[in-house]
Amino acid sequence: MNARHLLAVVATALAALGATVFVASPASSAERVRHQDVRQLRESGKILPMEEILGRARAAQPGQIVEVELEREDGRYVYEVKVIDDADRMHRLELDAGSGEVLRHKTR
């Protein structure tokens, strides 16, 4: 399975969950993570599986996950996960992609 196919499978699975995945974000000082690199990062253990990140995000903030982005910030890989709670508030969580630790949690 090549990286493009893997990314398509992950995107399809997330779409089934009602989520959208973005591999990189052009905003901020974060570096783009090329979709070709995602598989290698996962296989080398530098980032956790998406299933684990989603589970940790849900544990930190229950609700519907609507977007996930993978970025490289300040030398580490970070997942930004957006969650809408039952009161229709948007939560933005940043999780360390290697450990799953919640680094930030903002609510709008």
Protein backbone atom coordinates (compact mmCIF):
# COMPACT_ATOMS: atom_id res chain seq x y z
CA MET A 1 0.00 0.00 0.00
CA ASN A 2 1.58 3.31 -1.04
CA ALA A 3 1.37 6.55 0.96
CA ARG A 4 -1.32 8.02 -1.30
CA HIS A 5 -3.48 4.93 -0.86
CA LEU A 6 -2.93 4.94 2.91
CA LEU A 7 -3.93 8.59 3.13
CA ALA A 8 -7.05 7.89 1.07
CA VAL A 9 -7.97 5.03 3.40
CA VAL A 10 -7.48 7.22 6.49
CA ALA A 11 -9.49 10.07 4.95
CA THR A 12 -12.29 7.66 4.02
CA ALA A 13 -12.37 6.21 7.53
CA LEU A 14 -12.49 9.68 9.08
CA ALA A 15 -15.21 10.76 6.67
CA ALA A 16 -17.24 7.79 7.88
CA LEU A 17 -16.75 9.13 11.40
CA GLY A 18 -17.90 12.58 10.30
CA ALA A 19 -14.40 14.06 10.50
CA THR A 20 -12.15 15.80 8.03
CA VAL A 21 -8.40 15.27 7.98
CA PHE A 22 -5.83 17.71 6.72
CA VAL A 23 -2.22 16.64 6.55
CA ALA A 24 -0.80 20.14 6.67
CA SER A 25 -1.85 23.66 7.47
CA PRO A 26 -0.44 26.63 5.56
CA ALA A 27 -1.26 29.03 8.40
CA SER A 28 1.08 29.83 11.31
CA SER A 29 4.77 29.04 11.58
CA ALA A 30 4.11 25.32 11.42
CA GLU A 31 5.90 23.33 8.75
CA ARG A 32 3.91 21.42 6.21
CA VAL A 33 3.97 17.66 6.62
CA ARG A 34 3.92 16.08 3.19
CA HIS A 35 1.40 13.29 2.80
CA GLN A 36 4.22 11.13 1.43
CA ASP A 37 5.96 11.38 4.83
CA VAL A 38 3.00 10.40 7.02
CA ARG A 39 3.35 6.66 6.50
CA GLN A 40 7.08 6.72 7.22
CA LEU A 41 6.51 8.78 10.39
CA ARG A 42 3.90 6.27 11.57
CA GLU A 43 6.00 3.21 10.75
CA SER A 44 9.07 4.68 12.46
CA GLY A 45 7.05 5.37 15.62
CA LYS A 46 7.49 9.14 15.44
CA ILE A 47 3.72 9.65 15.38
CA LEU A 48 0.94 7.61 16.96
CA PRO A 49 -1.78 5.90 14.93
CA MET A 50 -4.73 8.15 14.10
CA GLU A 51 -7.06 5.84 16.05
CA GLU A 52 -5.09 6.49 19.23
CA ILE A 53 -4.99 10.26 18.67
CA LEU A 54 -8.76 10.31 18.11
CA GLY A 55 -9.31 8.28 21.29
CA ARG A 56 -7.15 10.63 23.35
CA ALA A 57 -8.88 13.68 21.87
CA ARG A 58 -12.30 12.21 22.74
CA ALA A 59 -11.13 11.42 26.28
CA ALA A 60 -9.91 15.01 26.71
CA GLN A 61 -13.03 16.52 25.12
CA PRO A 62 -16.16 14.51 24.36
CA GLY A 63 -18.01 15.52 21.22
CA GLN A 64 -17.90 15.16 17.46
CA ILE A 65 -14.48 15.38 15.86
CA VAL A 66 -14.79 17.55 12.75
CA GLU A 67 -11.20 18.22 11.68
CA VAL A 68 -7.68 16.87 12.21
CA GLU A 69 -4.42 18.45 11.03
CA LEU A 70 -0.86 17.16 11.36
CA GLU A 71 1.85 19.83 11.58
CA ARG A 72 5.45 20.16 12.65
CA GLU A 73 5.79 22.93 15.23
CA ASP A 74 8.95 23.88 17.10
CA GLY A 75 10.66 20.64 16.14
CA ARG A 76 7.84 18.26 17.07
CA TYR A 77 4.84 16.78 15.30
CA VAL A 78 1.49 18.04 16.56
CA TYR A 79 -2.06 17.02 15.75
CA GLU A 80 -4.64 19.79 15.91
CA VAL A 81 -8.07 18.29 16.55
CA LYS A 82 -11.30 20.29 16.40
CA VAL A 83 -14.27 18.96 18.37
CA ILE A 84 -17.84 20.26 18.64
CA ASP A 85 -19.43 19.48 22.01
CA ASP A 86 -23.11 18.90 22.84
CA ALA A 87 -23.56 22.64 23.52
CA ASP A 88 -22.26 23.47 19.99
CA ARG A 89 -19.00 24.94 21.32
CA MET A 90 -15.88 24.42 19.21
CA HIS A 91 -12.84 23.03 21.01
CA ARG A 92 -9.35 23.08 19.50
CA LEU A 93 -6.97 20.57 21.01
CA GLU A 94 -3.30 20.26 20.17
CA LEU A 95 -1.81 16.84 20.91
CA ASP A 96 1.81 15.79 20.71
CA ALA A 97 1.76 13.36 17.78
CA GLY A 98 4.43 11.14 19.33
CA SER A 99 3.10 10.82 22.87
CA GLY A 100 -0.58 11.78 22.57
CA GLU A 101 -0.18 14.34 25.38
CA VAL A 102 -2.66 17.22 25.21
CA LEU A 103 -0.54 20.36 24.81
CA ARG A 104 -3.34 22.95 24.47
CA HIS A 105 -7.10 23.06 24.76
CA LYS A 106 -8.95 26.16 23.61
CA THR A 107 -12.71 26.69 23.49
CA ARG A 108 -14.63 29.10 21.26
